[in-house]
Amino acid sequence: MIQELHDRGESERRWRLTAEQCIERALALLEGQDTDLAARLRAVLRGDQP
């Protein structure tokens, strides 16, 4: 039971890191883009209100 909880926690941690890396890549791709869509996407990826 404890090992199962530990494994689940580790899996969630890896998923979170992967998601954070994807967000960082997306933000890097949007860097220098000066469009309304790019601004809205950056806001969403950062958790801001668009």
PDB file of N, CA and C in Angstrom:
ATOM      1  N   MET A   1       0.828  -1.195   0.000  1.00  0.00           N
ATOM      2  CA  MET A   1       0.000   0.000   0.000  1.00  0.00           C
ATOM      3  C   MET A   1       0.874   1.262   0.000  1.00  0.00           C
ATOM      4  N   ILE A   2       1.865   1.297   0.872  1.00  0.00           N
ATOM      5  CA  ILE A   2       2.740   2.467   0.944  1.00  0.00           C
ATOM      6  C   ILE A   2       3.531   2.609  -0.345  1.00  0.00           C
ATOM      7  N   GLN A   3       4.025   1.484  -0.879  1.00  0.00           N
ATOM      8  CA  GLN A   3       4.778   1.524  -2.132  1.00  0.00           C
ATOM      9  C   GLN A   3       3.893   2.017  -3.273  1.00  0.00           C
ATOM     10  N   GLU A   4       2.643   1.601  -3.277  1.00  0.00           N
ATOM     11  CA  GLU A   4       1.705   2.032  -4.324  1.00  0.00           C
ATOM     12  C   GLU A   4       1.487   3.544  -4.257  1.00  0.00           C
ATOM     13  N   LEU A   5       1.335   4.077  -3.061  1.00  0.00           N
ATOM     14  CA  LEU A   5       1.179   5.518  -2.891  1.00  0.00           C
ATOM     15  C   LEU A   5       2.444   6.261  -3.316  1.00  0.00           C
ATOM     16  N   HIS A   6       3.587   5.715  -2.974  1.00  0.00           N
ATOM     17  CA  HIS A   6       4.860   6.318  -3.369  1.00  0.00           C
ATOM     18  C   HIS A   6       4.991   6.327  -4.897  1.00  0.00           C
ATOM     19  N   ASP A   7       4.660   5.193  -5.539  1.00  0.00           N
ATOM     20  CA  ASP A   7       4.742   5.096  -6.996  1.00  0.00           C
ATOM     21  C   ASP A   7       3.795   6.086  -7.666  1.00  0.00           C
ATOM     22  N   ARG A   8       2.605   6.211  -7.131  1.00  0.00           N
ATOM     23  CA  ARG A   8       1.635   7.150  -7.691  1.00  0.00           C
ATOM     24  C   ARG A   8       2.139   8.582  -7.546  1.00  0.00           C
ATOM     25  N   GLY A   9       2.698   8.909  -6.401  1.00  0.00           N
ATOM     26  CA  GLY A   9       3.248  10.248  -6.185  1.00  0.00           C
ATOM     27  C   GLY A   9       4.393  10.538  -7.136  1.00  0.00           C
ATOM     28  N   GLU A  10       5.246   9.559  -7.358  1.00  0.00           N
ATOM     29  CA  GLU A  10       6.372   9.725  -8.286  1.00  0.00           C
ATOM     30  C   GLU A  10       5.872   9.903  -9.716  1.00  0.00           C
ATOM     31  N   SER A  11       4.862   9.171 -10.085  1.00  0.00           N
ATOM     32  CA  SER A  11       4.289   9.289 -11.423  1.00  0.00           C
ATOM     33  C   SER A  11       3.690  10.685 -11.631  1.00  0.00           C
ATOM     34  N   GLU A  12       2.986  11.176 -10.640  1.00  0.00           N
ATOM     35  CA  GLU A  12       2.401  12.520 -10.727  1.00  0.00           C
ATOM     36  C   GLU A  12       3.488  13.586 -10.797  1.00  0.00           C
ATOM     37  N   ARG A  13       4.581  13.390 -10.084  1.00  0.00           N
ATOM     38  CA  ARG A  13       5.694  14.341 -10.114  1.00  0.00           C
ATOM     39  C   ARG A  13       6.314  14.378 -11.510  1.00  0.00           C
ATOM     40  N   ARG A  14       6.526  13.210 -12.111  1.00  0.00           N
ATOM     41  CA  ARG A  14       7.094  13.160 -13.466  1.00  0.00           C
ATOM     42  C   ARG A  14       6.161  13.823 -14.468  1.00  0.00           C
ATOM     43  N   TRP A  15       4.844  13.582 -14.336  1.00  0.00           N
ATOM     44  CA  TRP A  15       3.875  14.190 -15.239  1.00  0.00           C
ATOM     45  C   TRP A  15       3.912  15.709 -15.107  1.00  0.00           C
ATOM     46  N   ARG A  16       3.988  16.198 -13.877  1.00  0.00           N
ATOM     47  CA  ARG A  16       4.027  17.646 -13.637  1.00  0.00           C
ATOM     48  C   ARG A  16       5.270  18.262 -14.267  1.00  0.00           C
ATOM     49  N   LEU A  17       6.424  17.603 -14.101  1.00  0.00           N
ATOM     50  CA  LEU A  17       7.655  18.119 -14.699  1.00  0.00           C
ATOM     51  C   LEU A  17       7.563  18.139 -16.216  1.00  0.00           C
ATOM     52  N   THR A  18       6.994  17.098 -16.798  1.00  0.00           N
ATOM     53  CA  THR A  18       6.819  17.048 -18.249  1.00  0.00           C
ATOM     54  C   THR A  18       5.896  18.164 -18.714  1.00  0.00           C
ATOM     55  N   ALA A  19       4.817  18.389 -18.003  1.00  0.00           N
ATOM     56  CA  ALA A  19       3.880  19.455 -18.361  1.00  0.00           C
ATOM     57  C   ALA A  19       4.558  20.816 -18.256  1.00  0.00           C
ATOM     58  N   GLU A  20       5.346  21.026 -17.208  1.00  0.00           N
ATOM     59  CA  GLU A  20       6.050  22.299 -17.042  1.00  0.00           C
ATOM     60  C   GLU A  20       7.055  22.515 -18.170  1.00  0.00           C
ATOM     61  N   GLN A  21       7.725  21.456 -18.593  1.00  0.00           N
ATOM     62  CA  GLN A  21       8.678  21.563 -19.696  1.00  0.00           C
ATOM     63  C   GLN A  21       7.959  21.914 -21.001  1.00  0.00           C
ATOM     64  N   CYS A  22       6.802  21.323 -21.240  1.00  0.00           N
ATOM     65  CA  CYS A  22       6.024  21.634 -22.440  1.00  0.00           C
ATOM     66  C   CYS A  22       5.579  23.099 -22.437  1.00  0.00           C
ATOM     67  N   ILE A  23       5.174  23.595 -21.289  1.00  0.00           N
ATOM     68  CA  ILE A  23       4.761  24.996 -21.181  1.00  0.00           C
ATOM     69  C   ILE A  23       5.952  25.913 -21.448  1.00  0.00           C
ATOM     70  N   GLU A  24       7.106  25.573 -20.886  1.00  0.00           N
ATOM     71  CA  GLU A  24       8.303  26.383 -21.122  1.00  0.00           C
ATOM     72  C   GLU A  24       8.664  26.419 -22.601  1.00  0.00           C
ATOM     73  N   ARG A  25       8.566  25.277 -23.285  1.00  0.00           N
ATOM     74  CA  ARG A  25       8.858  25.232 -24.723  1.00  0.00           C
ATOM     75  C   ARG A  25       7.865  26.074 -25.509  1.00  0.00           C
ATOM     76  N   ALA A  26       6.601  25.970 -25.147  1.00  0.00           N
ATOM     77  CA  ALA A  26       5.584  26.751 -25.847  1.00  0.00           C
ATOM     78  C   ALA A  26       5.821  28.245 -25.667  1.00  0.00           C
ATOM     79  N   LEU A  27       6.152  28.649 -24.444  1.00  0.00           N
ATOM     80  CA  LEU A  27       6.439  30.065 -24.192  1.00  0.00           C
ATOM     81  C   LEU A  27       7.658  30.521 -24.992  1.00  0.00           C
ATOM     82  N   ALA A  28       8.664  29.664 -25.105  1.00  0.00           N
ATOM     83  CA  ALA A  28       9.853  30.017 -25.878  1.00  0.00           C
ATOM     84  C   ALA A  28       9.499  30.191 -27.352  1.00  0.00           C
ATOM     85  N   LEU A  29       8.624  29.339 -27.874  1.00  0.00           N
ATOM     86  CA  LEU A  29       8.200  29.456 -29.268  1.00  0.00           C
ATOM     87  C   LEU A  29       7.412  30.743 -29.514  1.00  0.00           C
ATOM     88  N   LEU A  30       6.670  31.178 -28.511  1.00  0.00           N
ATOM     89  CA  LEU A  30       5.859  32.386 -28.647  1.00  0.00           C
ATOM     90  C   LEU A  30       6.675  33.660 -28.461  1.00  0.00           C
ATOM     91  N   GLU A  31       7.881  33.529 -27.911  1.00  0.00           N
ATOM     92  CA  GLU A  31       8.719  34.688 -27.665  1.00  0.00           C
ATOM     93  C   GLU A  31       8.990  35.430 -28.980  1.00  0.00           C
ATOM     94  N   GLY A  32       8.797  36.726 -28.944  1.00  0.00           N
ATOM     95  CA  GLY A  32       9.027  37.542 -30.133  1.00  0.00           C
ATOM     96  C   GLY A  32       7.824  37.631 -31.056  1.00  0.00           C
ATOM     97  N   GLN A  33       6.805  36.843 -30.799  1.00  0.00           N
ATOM     98  CA  GLN A  33       5.583  36.909 -31.612  1.00  0.00           C
ATOM     99  C   GLN A  33       4.731  38.056 -31.074  1.00  0.00           C
ATOM    100  N   ASP A  34       4.421  38.989 -31.928  1.00  0.00           N
ATOM    101  CA  ASP A  34       3.674  40.166 -31.505  1.00  0.00           C
ATOM    102  C   ASP A  34       2.296  40.169 -32.151  1.00  0.00           C
ATOM    103  N   THR A  35       1.497  39.178 -31.769  1.00  0.00           N
ATOM    104  CA  THR A  35       0.131  39.104 -32.271  1.00  0.00           C
ATOM    105  C   THR A  35      -0.810  38.957 -31.082  1.00  0.00           C
ATOM    106  N   ASP A  36      -2.058  39.245 -31.324  1.00  0.00           N
ATOM    107  CA  ASP A  36      -3.058  39.105 -30.267  1.00  0.00           C
ATOM    108  C   ASP A  36      -3.155  37.652 -29.814  1.00  0.00           C
ATOM    109  N   LEU A  37      -3.126  36.739 -30.769  1.00  0.00           N
ATOM    110  CA  LEU A  37      -3.212  35.318 -30.425  1.00  0.00           C
ATOM    111  C   LEU A  37      -2.023  34.889 -29.568  1.00  0.00           C
ATOM    112  N   ALA A  38      -0.825  35.305 -29.937  1.00  0.00           N
ATOM    113  CA  ALA A  38       0.363  34.956 -29.160  1.00  0.00           C
ATOM    114  C   ALA A  38       0.259  35.519 -27.743  1.00  0.00           C
ATOM    115  N   ALA A  39      -0.225  36.726 -27.617  1.00  0.00           N
ATOM    116  CA  ALA A  39      -0.380  37.343 -26.291  1.00  0.00           C
ATOM    117  C   ALA A  39      -1.393  36.567 -25.452  1.00  0.00           C
ATOM    118  N   ARG A  40      -2.482  36.148 -26.074  1.00  0.00           N
ATOM    119  CA  ARG A  40      -3.501  35.379 -25.344  1.00  0.00           C
ATOM    120  C   ARG A  40      -2.965  34.012 -24.943  1.00  0.00           C
ATOM    121  N   LEU A  41      -2.225  33.366 -25.852  1.00  0.00           N
ATOM    122  CA  LEU A  41      -1.646  32.065 -25.526  1.00  0.00           C
ATOM    123  C   LEU A  41      -0.640  32.180 -24.382  1.00  0.00           C
ATOM    124  N   ARG A  42       0.207  33.204 -24.409  1.00  0.00           N
ATOM    125  CA  ARG A  42       1.157  33.417 -23.313  1.00  0.00           C
ATOM    126  C   ARG A  42       0.421  33.595 -21.993  1.00  0.00           C
ATOM    127  N   ALA A  43      -0.645  34.376 -22.013  1.00  0.00           N
ATOM    128  CA  ALA A  43      -1.418  34.614 -20.790  1.00  0.00           C
ATOM    129  C   ALA A  43      -1.997  33.317 -20.251  1.00  0.00           C
ATOM    130  N   VAL A  44      -2.534  32.491 -21.131  1.00  0.00           N
ATOM    131  CA  VAL A  44      -3.113  31.219 -20.690  1.00  0.00           C
ATOM    132  C   VAL A  44      -2.028  30.300 -20.134  1.00  0.00           C
ATOM    133  N   LEU A  45      -0.898  30.221 -20.835  1.00  0.00           N
ATOM    134  CA  LEU A  45       0.181  29.340 -20.381  1.00  0.00           C
ATOM    135  C   LEU A  45       0.780  29.791 -19.054  1.00  0.00           C
ATOM    136  N   ARG A  46       0.726  31.076 -18.772  1.00  0.00           N
ATOM    137  CA  ARG A  46       1.246  31.602 -17.506  1.00  0.00           C
ATOM    138  C   ARG A  46       0.196  31.589 -16.401  1.00  0.00           C
ATOM    139  N   GLY A  47      -1.054  31.302 -16.763  1.00  0.00           N
ATOM    140  CA  GLY A  47      -2.119  31.285 -15.773  1.00  0.00           C
ATOM    141  C   GLY A  47      -2.711  32.659 -15.507  1.00  0.00           C
ATOM    142  N   ASP A  48      -2.403  33.613 -16.390  1.00  0.00           N
ATOM    143  CA  ASP A  48      -2.960  34.953 -16.262  1.00  0.00           C
ATOM    144  C   ASP A  48      -4.339  34.999 -16.918  1.00  0.00           C
ATOM    145  N   GLN A  49      -5.059  36.049 -16.628  1.00  0.00           N
ATOM    146  CA  GLN A  49      -6.330  36.266 -17.303  1.00  0.00           C
ATOM    147  C   GLN A  49      -6.059  36.903 -18.663  1.00  0.00           C
ATOM    148  N   PRO A  50      -6.533  36.283 -19.739  1.00  0.00           N
ATOM    149  CA  PRO A  50      -6.301  36.886 -21.076  1.00  0.00           C
ATOM    150  C   PRO A  50      -7.079  38.153 -21.295  1.00  0.00           C
TER     151      PRO A  50
END
